[in-house]
Amino acid sequence: MLLVPCPWCGPRDEAEFTYGGQAHVPYPRDPAALTDEEWARHLFFRDNPKGPHAERWCHTISCRRWFNVVRDTATNEILAAYRIGESRPVIL
């Protein structure tokens, strides 16, 4: 069982959460100017690192708030959790 540390509610079982994809993906400045290929890359291509990865999660069963998590994809260990708008913590 994975315990996800919600910044508002504290650690909860992963079944209470919804994964929202990679965090810190900026929206294009002028989406209408993108080619179909550029738009497809923005929508569907994401980083897939082995190690620490910033992700978005939503606490759907409780507070229903979105937040970011840094999770090690090799070990599934959650290294940090922080609110949307806060800077990504430095993980050593």
PDB file of N, CA and C in Angstrom:
ATOM      1  N   MET A   1       0.841  -1.171   0.000  1.00  0.00           N
ATOM      2  CA  MET A   1       0.000   0.000   0.000  1.00  0.00           C
ATOM      3  C   MET A   1       0.895   1.246   0.000  1.00  0.00           C
ATOM      4  N   LEU A   2       0.550   2.185  -0.824  1.00  0.00           N
ATOM      5  CA  LEU A   2       1.274   3.451  -0.922  1.00  0.00           C
ATOM      6  C   LEU A   2       0.522   4.507  -0.121  1.00  0.00           C
ATOM      7  N   LEU A   3       1.223   5.173   0.792  1.00  0.00           N
ATOM      8  CA  LEU A   3       0.643   6.285   1.525  1.00  0.00           C
ATOM      9  C   LEU A   3       1.027   7.578   0.820  1.00  0.00           C
ATOM     10  N   VAL A   4       0.027   8.324   0.408  1.00  0.00           N
ATOM     11  CA  VAL A   4       0.252   9.581  -0.292  1.00  0.00           C
ATOM     12  C   VAL A   4       0.026  10.711   0.710  1.00  0.00           C
ATOM     13  N   PRO A   5       1.036  11.591   0.904  1.00  0.00           N
ATOM     14  CA  PRO A   5       0.892  12.673   1.888  1.00  0.00           C
ATOM     15  C   PRO A   5       0.194  13.901   1.298  1.00  0.00           C
ATOM     16  N   CYS A   6      -1.107  13.992   1.497  1.00  0.00           N
ATOM     17  CA  CYS A   6      -1.852  15.170   1.052  1.00  0.00           C
ATOM     18  C   CYS A   6      -1.387  16.367   1.878  1.00  0.00           C
ATOM     19  N   PRO A   7      -1.038  17.495   1.237  1.00  0.00           N
ATOM     20  CA  PRO A   7      -0.599  18.675   1.991  1.00  0.00           C
ATOM     21  C   PRO A   7      -1.663  19.242   2.934  1.00  0.00           C
ATOM     22  N   TRP A   8      -2.938  18.923   2.712  1.00  0.00           N
ATOM     23  CA  TRP A   8      -4.017  19.436   3.552  1.00  0.00           C
ATOM     24  C   TRP A   8      -4.518  18.397   4.563  1.00  0.00           C
ATOM     25  N   CYS A   9      -4.561  17.120   4.176  1.00  0.00           N
ATOM     26  CA  CYS A   9      -5.179  16.089   5.014  1.00  0.00           C
ATOM     27  C   CYS A   9      -4.183  15.134   5.670  1.00  0.00           C
ATOM     28  N   GLY A  10      -2.929  15.183   5.249  1.00  0.00           N
ATOM     29  CA  GLY A  10      -1.939  14.258   5.785  1.00  0.00           C
ATOM     30  C   GLY A  10      -1.891  12.960   4.985  1.00  0.00           C
ATOM     31  N   PRO A  11      -1.116  11.981   5.449  1.00  0.00           N
ATOM     32  CA  PRO A  11      -0.951  10.718   4.715  1.00  0.00           C
ATOM     33  C   PRO A  11      -2.257   9.925   4.641  1.00  0.00           C
ATOM     34  N   ARG A  12      -2.581   9.477   3.444  1.00  0.00           N
ATOM     35  CA  ARG A  12      -3.781   8.671   3.211  1.00  0.00           C
ATOM     36  C   ARG A  12      -3.443   7.561   2.208  1.00  0.00           C
ATOM     37  N   ASP A  13      -4.273   6.541   2.193  1.00  0.00           N
ATOM     38  CA  ASP A  13      -4.113   5.414   1.276  1.00  0.00           C
ATOM     39  C   ASP A  13      -4.248   5.879  -0.171  1.00  0.00           C
ATOM     40  N   GLU A  14      -3.451   5.316  -1.041  1.00  0.00           N
ATOM     41  CA  GLU A  14      -3.453   5.727  -2.453  1.00  0.00           C
ATOM     42  C   GLU A  14      -4.810   5.568  -3.127  1.00  0.00           C
ATOM     43  N   ALA A  15      -5.677   4.716  -2.600  1.00  0.00           N
ATOM     44  CA  ALA A  15      -7.005   4.513  -3.192  1.00  0.00           C
ATOM     45  C   ALA A  15      -7.855   5.781  -3.138  1.00  0.00           C
ATOM     46  N   GLU A  16      -7.491   6.734  -2.277  1.00  0.00           N
ATOM     47  CA  GLU A  16      -8.246   7.990  -2.159  1.00  0.00           C
ATOM     48  C   GLU A  16      -7.855   9.023  -3.209  1.00  0.00           C
ATOM     49  N   PHE A  17      -6.850   8.725  -4.021  1.00  0.00           N
ATOM     50  CA  PHE A  17      -6.264   9.716  -4.922  1.00  0.00           C
ATOM     51  C   PHE A  17      -6.427   9.330  -6.388  1.00  0.00           C
ATOM     52  N   THR A  18      -6.331  10.347  -7.226  1.00  0.00           N
ATOM     53  CA  THR A  18      -6.310  10.167  -8.674  1.00  0.00           C
ATOM     54  C   THR A  18      -5.022  10.761  -9.208  1.00  0.00           C
ATOM     55  N   TYR A  19      -4.331   9.989 -10.035  1.00  0.00           N
ATOM     56  CA  TYR A  19      -3.088  10.444 -10.657  1.00  0.00           C
ATOM     57  C   TYR A  19      -3.427  11.412 -11.776  1.00  0.00           C
ATOM     58  N   GLY A  20      -2.698  12.515 -11.862  1.00  0.00           N
ATOM     59  CA  GLY A  20      -3.015  13.539 -12.862  1.00  0.00           C
ATOM     60  C   GLY A  20      -1.930  13.796 -13.884  1.00  0.00           C
ATOM     61  N   GLY A  21      -0.904  12.950 -13.930  1.00  0.00           N
ATOM     62  CA  GLY A  21       0.138  13.129 -14.931  1.00  0.00           C
ATOM     63  C   GLY A  21       1.314  13.943 -14.430  1.00  0.00           C
ATOM     64  N   GLN A  22       2.190  14.268 -15.344  1.00  0.00           N
ATOM     65  CA  GLN A  22       3.413  14.998 -15.027  1.00  0.00           C
ATOM     66  C   GLN A  22       3.089  16.418 -14.566  1.00  0.00           C
ATOM     67  N   ALA A  23       3.790  16.865 -13.546  1.00  0.00           N
ATOM     68  CA  ALA A  23       3.610  18.231 -13.029  1.00  0.00           C
ATOM     69  C   ALA A  23       4.490  19.211 -13.792  1.00  0.00           C
ATOM     70  N   HIS A  24       4.156  20.465 -13.682  1.00  0.00           N
ATOM     71  CA  HIS A  24       4.953  21.563 -14.237  1.00  0.00           C
ATOM     72  C   HIS A  24       5.062  21.520 -15.768  1.00  0.00           C
ATOM     73  N   VAL A  25       3.996  21.134 -16.432  1.00  0.00           N
ATOM     74  CA  VAL A  25       3.961  21.157 -17.899  1.00  0.00           C
ATOM     75  C   VAL A  25       3.283  22.471 -18.297  1.00  0.00           C
ATOM     76  N   PRO A  26       4.031  23.413 -18.860  1.00  0.00           N
ATOM     77  CA  PRO A  26       3.438  24.714 -19.187  1.00  0.00           C
ATOM     78  C   PRO A  26       2.491  24.624 -20.389  1.00  0.00           C
ATOM     79  N   TYR A  27       1.412  25.369 -20.315  1.00  0.00           N
ATOM     80  CA  TYR A  27       0.473  25.447 -21.433  1.00  0.00           C
ATOM     81  C   TYR A  27       1.100  26.312 -22.524  1.00  0.00           C
ATOM     82  N   PRO A  28       0.934  25.946 -23.794  1.00  0.00           N
ATOM     83  CA  PRO A  28       1.526  26.753 -24.867  1.00  0.00           C
ATOM     84  C   PRO A  28       1.013  28.191 -24.851  1.00  0.00           C
ATOM     85  N   ARG A  29       1.903  29.129 -25.158  1.00  0.00           N
ATOM     86  CA  ARG A  29       1.524  30.545 -25.182  1.00  0.00           C
ATOM     87  C   ARG A  29       0.446  30.826 -26.221  1.00  0.00           C
ATOM     88  N   ASP A  30       0.595  30.238 -27.402  1.00  0.00           N
ATOM     89  CA  ASP A  30      -0.359  30.448 -28.486  1.00  0.00           C
ATOM     90  C   ASP A  30      -0.715  29.087 -29.091  1.00  0.00           C
ATOM     91  N   PRO A  31      -1.638  28.369 -28.482  1.00  0.00           N
ATOM     92  CA  PRO A  31      -1.952  27.021 -28.958  1.00  0.00           C
ATOM     93  C   PRO A  31      -2.438  26.983 -30.407  1.00  0.00           C
ATOM     94  N   ALA A  32      -3.101  28.045 -30.860  1.00  0.00           N
ATOM     95  CA  ALA A  32      -3.602  28.071 -32.232  1.00  0.00           C
ATOM     96  C   ALA A  32      -2.464  28.119 -33.255  1.00  0.00           C
ATOM     97  N   ALA A  33      -1.286  28.558 -32.836  1.00  0.00           N
ATOM     98  CA  ALA A  33      -0.153  28.656 -33.748  1.00  0.00           C
ATOM     99  C   ALA A  33       0.619  27.344 -33.870  1.00  0.00           C
ATOM    100  N   LEU A  34       0.296  26.359 -33.029  1.00  0.00           N
ATOM    101  CA  LEU A  34       1.017  25.088 -33.076  1.00  0.00           C
ATOM    102  C   LEU A  34       0.572  24.246 -34.260  1.00  0.00           C
ATOM    103  N   THR A  35       1.510  23.524 -34.805  1.00  0.00           N
ATOM    104  CA  THR A  35       1.160  22.545 -35.841  1.00  0.00           C
ATOM    105  C   THR A  35       0.483  21.360 -35.154  1.00  0.00           C
ATOM    106  N   ASP A  36      -0.113  20.494 -35.926  1.00  0.00           N
ATOM    107  CA  ASP A  36      -0.739  19.303 -35.356  1.00  0.00           C
ATOM    108  C   ASP A  36       0.296  18.456 -34.615  1.00  0.00           C
ATOM    109  N   GLU A  37       1.491  18.345 -35.168  1.00  0.00           N
ATOM    110  CA  GLU A  37       2.544  17.566 -34.534  1.00  0.00           C
ATOM    111  C   GLU A  37       2.980  18.189 -33.202  1.00  0.00           C
ATOM    112  N   GLU A  38       3.133  19.520 -33.179  1.00  0.00           N
ATOM    113  CA  GLU A  38       3.514  20.208 -31.941  1.00  0.00           C
ATOM    114  C   GLU A  38       2.421  20.073 -30.874  1.00  0.00           C
ATOM    115  N   TRP A  39       1.160  20.183 -31.293  1.00  0.00           N
ATOM    116  CA  TRP A  39       0.055  20.052 -30.354  1.00  0.00           C
ATOM    117  C   TRP A  39      -0.006  18.628 -29.802  1.00  0.00           C
ATOM    118  N   ALA A  40       0.188  17.644 -30.647  1.00  0.00           N
ATOM    119  CA  ALA A  40       0.202  16.244 -30.208  1.00  0.00           C
ATOM    120  C   ALA A  40       1.330  16.000 -29.216  1.00  0.00           C
ATOM    121  N   ARG A  41       2.515  16.573 -29.487  1.00  0.00           N
ATOM    122  CA  ARG A  41       3.636  16.425 -28.544  1.00  0.00           C
ATOM    123  C   ARG A  41       3.285  17.040 -27.188  1.00  0.00           C
ATOM    124  N   HIS A  42       2.634  18.197 -27.205  1.00  0.00           N
ATOM    125  CA  HIS A  42       2.246  18.838 -25.945  1.00  0.00           C
ATOM    126  C   HIS A  42       1.242  17.978 -25.174  1.00  0.00           C
ATOM    127  N   LEU A  43       0.282  17.401 -25.858  1.00  0.00           N
ATOM    128  CA  LEU A  43      -0.772  16.643 -25.198  1.00  0.00           C
ATOM    129  C   LEU A  43      -0.338  15.253 -24.726  1.00  0.00           C
ATOM    130  N   PHE A  44       0.493  14.586 -25.509  1.00  0.00           N
ATOM    131  CA  PHE A  44       0.719  13.162 -25.273  1.00  0.00           C
ATOM    132  C   PHE A  44       2.130  12.764 -24.864  1.00  0.00           C
ATOM    133  N   PHE A  45       3.119  13.587 -25.084  1.00  0.00           N
ATOM    134  CA  PHE A  45       4.489  13.210 -24.777  1.00  0.00           C
ATOM    135  C   PHE A  45       4.890  13.780 -23.419  1.00  0.00           C
ATOM    136  N   ARG A  46       5.315  12.898 -22.532  1.00  0.00           N
ATOM    137  CA  ARG A  46       5.744  13.292 -21.192  1.00  0.00           C
ATOM    138  C   ARG A  46       7.057  12.595 -20.854  1.00  0.00           C
ATOM    139  N   ASP A  47       7.747  13.162 -19.870  1.00  0.00           N
ATOM    140  CA  ASP A  47       8.969  12.534 -19.391  1.00  0.00           C
ATOM    141  C   ASP A  47       8.624  11.198 -18.742  1.00  0.00           C
ATOM    142  N   ASN A  48       9.563  10.254 -18.815  1.00  0.00           N
ATOM    143  CA  ASN A  48       9.369   8.948 -18.204  1.00  0.00           C
ATOM    144  C   ASN A  48      10.685   8.523 -17.558  1.00  0.00           C
ATOM    145  N   PRO A  49      11.122   9.266 -16.524  1.00  0.00           N
ATOM    146  CA  PRO A  49      12.435   8.995 -15.952  1.00  0.00           C
ATOM    147  C   PRO A  49      12.422   7.796 -15.011  1.00  0.00           C
ATOM    148  N   LYS A  50      13.586   7.232 -14.820  1.00  0.00           N
ATOM    149  CA  LYS A  50      13.785   6.248 -13.762  1.00  0.00           C
ATOM    150  C   LYS A  50      14.400   7.028 -12.614  1.00  0.00           C
ATOM    151  N   GLY A  51      13.632   7.265 -11.573  1.00  0.00           N
ATOM    152  CA  GLY A  51      14.085   8.076 -10.448  1.00  0.00           C
ATOM    153  C   GLY A  51      13.050   9.131 -10.112  1.00  0.00           C
ATOM    154  N   PRO A  52      13.465  10.215  -9.439  1.00  0.00           N
ATOM    155  CA  PRO A  52      12.521  11.249  -9.006  1.00  0.00           C
ATOM    156  C   PRO A  52      11.773  11.896 -10.177  1.00  0.00           C
ATOM    157  N   HIS A  53      10.465  12.012 -10.015  1.00  0.00           N
ATOM    158  CA  HIS A  53       9.599  12.552 -11.066  1.00  0.00           C
ATOM    159  C   HIS A  53       8.479  13.348 -10.408  1.00  0.00           C
ATOM    160  N   ALA A  54       8.269  14.598 -10.855  1.00  0.00           N
ATOM    161  CA  ALA A  54       7.199  15.446 -10.319  1.00  0.00           C
ATOM    162  C   ALA A  54       5.878  15.089 -11.000  1.00  0.00           C
ATOM    163  N   GLU A  55       4.864  14.818 -10.183  1.00  0.00           N
ATOM    164  CA  GLU A  55       3.554  14.392 -10.687  1.00  0.00           C
ATOM    165  C   GLU A  55       2.450  15.207 -10.018  1.00  0.00           C
ATOM    166  N   ARG A  56       1.304  15.270 -10.686  1.00  0.00           N
ATOM    167  CA  ARG A  56       0.117  15.911 -10.101  1.00  0.00           C
ATOM    168  C   ARG A  56      -0.797  14.814  -9.567  1.00  0.00           C
ATOM    169  N   TRP A  57      -1.378  15.053  -8.405  1.00  0.00           N
ATOM    170  CA  TRP A  57      -2.323  14.124  -7.803  1.00  0.00           C
ATOM    171  C   TRP A  57      -3.513  14.923  -7.276  1.00  0.00           C
ATOM    172  N   CYS A  58      -4.667  14.282  -7.216  1.00  0.00           N
ATOM    173  CA  CYS A  58      -5.865  14.896  -6.661  1.00  0.00           C
ATOM    174  C   CYS A  58      -6.396  14.004  -5.539  1.00  0.00           C
ATOM    175  N   HIS A  59      -6.715  14.588  -4.397  1.00  0.00           N
ATOM    176  CA  HIS A  59      -7.286  13.837  -3.272  1.00  0.00           C
ATOM    177  C   HIS A  59      -8.796  13.767  -3.476  1.00  0.00           C
ATOM    178  N   THR A  60      -9.212  12.893  -4.358  1.00  0.00           N
ATOM    179  CA  THR A  60     -10.602  12.837  -4.822  1.00  0.00           C
ATOM    180  C   THR A  60     -11.601  12.389  -3.761  1.00  0.00           C
ATOM    181  N   ILE A  61     -11.173  11.594  -2.792  1.00  0.00           N
ATOM    182  CA  ILE A  61     -12.110  11.069  -1.800  1.00  0.00           C
ATOM    183  C   ILE A  61     -12.308  12.026  -0.621  1.00  0.00           C
ATOM    184  N   SER A  62     -11.394  12.947  -0.407  1.00  0.00           N
ATOM    185  CA  SER A  62     -11.494  13.805   0.776  1.00  0.00           C
ATOM    186  C   SER A  62     -11.601  15.284   0.390  1.00  0.00           C
ATOM    187  N   CYS A  63     -10.490  16.010   0.413  1.00  0.00           N
ATOM    188  CA  CYS A  63     -10.534  17.464   0.214  1.00  0.00           C
ATOM    189  C   CYS A  63     -10.707  17.876  -1.250  1.00  0.00           C
ATOM    190  N   ARG A  64     -10.494  16.956  -2.179  1.00  0.00           N
ATOM    191  CA  ARG A  64     -10.669  17.169  -3.625  1.00  0.00           C
ATOM    192  C   ARG A  64      -9.726  18.232  -4.185  1.00  0.00           C
ATOM    193  N   ARG A  65      -8.590  18.430  -3.545  1.00  0.00           N
ATOM    194  CA  ARG A  65      -7.613  19.415  -4.013  1.00  0.00           C
ATOM    195  C   ARG A  65      -6.490  18.745  -4.796  1.00  0.00           C
ATOM    196  N   TRP A  66      -5.971  19.496  -5.768  1.00  0.00           N
ATOM    197  CA  TRP A  66      -4.821  19.063  -6.548  1.00  0.00           C
ATOM    198  C   TRP A  66      -3.542  19.501  -5.852  1.00  0.00           C
ATOM    199  N   PHE A  67      -2.494  18.697  -5.974  1.00  0.00           N
ATOM    200  CA  PHE A  67      -1.183  19.026  -5.422  1.00  0.00           C
ATOM    201  C   PHE A  67      -0.130  18.253  -6.201  1.00  0.00           C
ATOM    202  N   ASN A  68       1.116  18.565  -5.942  1.00  0.00           N
ATOM    203  CA  ASN A  68       2.234  17.906  -6.629  1.00  0.00           C
ATOM    204  C   ASN A  68       2.967  16.971  -5.678  1.00  0.00           C
ATOM    205  N   VAL A  69       3.520  15.933  -6.256  1.00  0.00           N
ATOM    206  CA  VAL A  69       4.289  14.936  -5.516  1.00  0.00           C
ATOM    207  C   VAL A  69       5.559  14.660  -6.304  1.00  0.00           C
ATOM    208  N   VAL A  70       6.677  14.506  -5.611  1.00  0.00           N
ATOM    209  CA  VAL A  70       7.892  13.990  -6.244  1.00  0.00           C
ATOM    210  C   VAL A  70       7.998  12.542  -5.808  1.00  0.00           C
ATOM    211  N   ARG A  71       7.887  11.639  -6.785  1.00  0.00           N
ATOM    212  CA  ARG A  71       7.894  10.195  -6.525  1.00  0.00           C
ATOM    213  C   ARG A  71       9.040   9.558  -7.279  1.00  0.00           C
ATOM    214  N   ASP A  72       9.765   8.661  -6.610  1.00  0.00           N
ATOM    215  CA  ASP A  72      10.827   7.909  -7.264  1.00  0.00           C
ATOM    216  C   ASP A  72      10.173   6.768  -8.027  1.00  0.00           C
ATOM    217  N   THR A  73      10.250   6.793  -9.345  1.00  0.00           N
ATOM    218  CA  THR A  73       9.560   5.796 -10.157  1.00  0.00           C
ATOM    219  C   THR A  73      10.220   4.425 -10.072  1.00  0.00           C
ATOM    220  N   ALA A  74      11.452   4.353  -9.606  1.00  0.00           N
ATOM    221  CA  ALA A  74      12.133   3.059  -9.472  1.00  0.00           C
ATOM    222  C   ALA A  74      11.714   2.345  -8.192  1.00  0.00           C
ATOM    223  N   THR A  75      11.491   3.103  -7.117  1.00  0.00           N
ATOM    224  CA  THR A  75      11.169   2.495  -5.820  1.00  0.00           C
ATOM    225  C   THR A  75       9.727   2.741  -5.391  1.00  0.00           C
ATOM    226  N   ASN A  76       9.033   3.651  -6.056  1.00  0.00           N
ATOM    227  CA  ASN A  76       7.670   4.079  -5.732  1.00  0.00           C
ATOM    228  C   ASN A  76       7.609   4.892  -4.437  1.00  0.00           C
ATOM    229  N   GLU A  77       8.764   5.305  -3.915  1.00  0.00           N
ATOM    230  CA  GLU A  77       8.816   6.101  -2.695  1.00  0.00           C
ATOM    231  C   GLU A  77       8.441   7.555  -3.000  1.00  0.00           C
ATOM    232  N   ILE A  78       7.577   8.121  -2.171  1.00  0.00           N
ATOM    233  CA  ILE A  78       7.222   9.527  -2.310  1.00  0.00           C
ATOM    234  C   ILE A  78       8.236  10.338  -1.528  1.00  0.00           C
ATOM    235  N   LEU A  79       8.947  11.214  -2.239  1.00  0.00           N
ATOM    236  CA  LEU A  79      10.031  11.990  -1.656  1.00  0.00           C
ATOM    237  C   LEU A  79       9.571  13.339  -1.130  1.00  0.00           C
ATOM    238  N   ALA A  80       8.508  13.885  -1.697  1.00  0.00           N
ATOM    239  CA  ALA A  80       7.994  15.194  -1.268  1.00  0.00           C
ATOM    240  C   ALA A  80       6.578  15.383  -1.801  1.00  0.00           C
ATOM    241  N   ALA A  81       5.816  16.195  -1.098  1.00  0.00           N
ATOM    242  CA  ALA A  81       4.491  16.617  -1.556  1.00  0.00           C
ATOM    243  C   ALA A  81       4.384  18.113  -1.290  1.00  0.00           C
ATOM    244  N   TYR A  82       3.805  18.836  -2.239  1.00  0.00           N
ATOM    245  CA  TYR A  82       3.712  20.286  -2.101  1.00  0.00           C
ATOM    246  C   TYR A  82       2.519  20.795  -2.896  1.00  0.00           C
ATOM    247  N   ARG A  83       2.025  21.943  -2.492  1.00  0.00           N
ATOM    248  CA  ARG A  83       0.824  22.519  -3.096  1.00  0.00           C
ATOM    249  C   ARG A  83       1.106  23.095  -4.481  1.00  0.00           C
ATOM    250  N   ILE A  84       0.076  23.129  -5.301  1.00  0.00           N
ATOM    251  CA  ILE A  84       0.169  23.745  -6.623  1.00  0.00           C
ATOM    252  C   ILE A  84       0.582  25.202  -6.421  1.00  0.00           C
ATOM    253  N   GLY A  85       1.516  25.674  -7.218  1.00  0.00           N
ATOM    254  CA  GLY A  85       2.000  27.046  -7.116  1.00  0.00           C
ATOM    255  C   GLY A  85       3.276  27.166  -6.304  1.00  0.00           C
ATOM    256  N   GLU A  86       3.564  26.185  -5.464  1.00  0.00           N
ATOM    257  CA  GLU A  86       4.819  26.182  -4.722  1.00  0.00           C
ATOM    258  C   GLU A  86       5.924  25.620  -5.607  1.00  0.00           C
ATOM    259  N   SER A  87       7.154  26.016  -5.337  1.00  0.00           N
ATOM    260  CA  SER A  87       8.292  25.510  -6.100  1.00  0.00           C
ATOM    261  C   SER A  87       8.557  24.051  -5.771  1.00  0.00           C
ATOM    262  N   ARG A  88       9.074  23.347  -6.770  1.00  0.00           N
ATOM    263  CA  ARG A  88       9.437  21.950  -6.549  1.00  0.00           C
ATOM    264  C   ARG A  88      10.596  21.898  -5.566  1.00  0.00           C
ATOM    265  N   PRO A  89      10.492  21.082  -4.507  1.00  0.00           N
ATOM    266  CA  PRO A  89      11.577  20.969  -3.544  1.00  0.00           C
ATOM    267  C   PRO A  89      12.826  20.365  -4.178  1.00  0.00           C
ATOM    268  N   VAL A  90      13.979  20.756  -3.689  1.00  0.00           N
ATOM    269  CA  VAL A  90      15.238  20.185  -4.161  1.00  0.00           C
ATOM    270  C   VAL A  90      15.409  18.837  -3.479  1.00  0.00           C
ATOM    271  N   ILE A  91      15.539  17.789  -4.266  1.00  0.00           N
ATOM    272  CA  ILE A  91      15.728  16.437  -3.752  1.00  0.00           C
ATOM    273  C   ILE A  91      17.174  16.045  -4.010  1.00  0.00           C
ATOM    274  N   LEU A  92      17.894  15.718  -2.955  1.00  0.00           N
ATOM    275  CA  LEU A  92      19.309  15.344  -3.102  1.00  0.00           C
ATOM    276  C   LEU A  92      19.478  13.872  -3.264  1.00  0.00           C
TER     277      LEU A  92
END
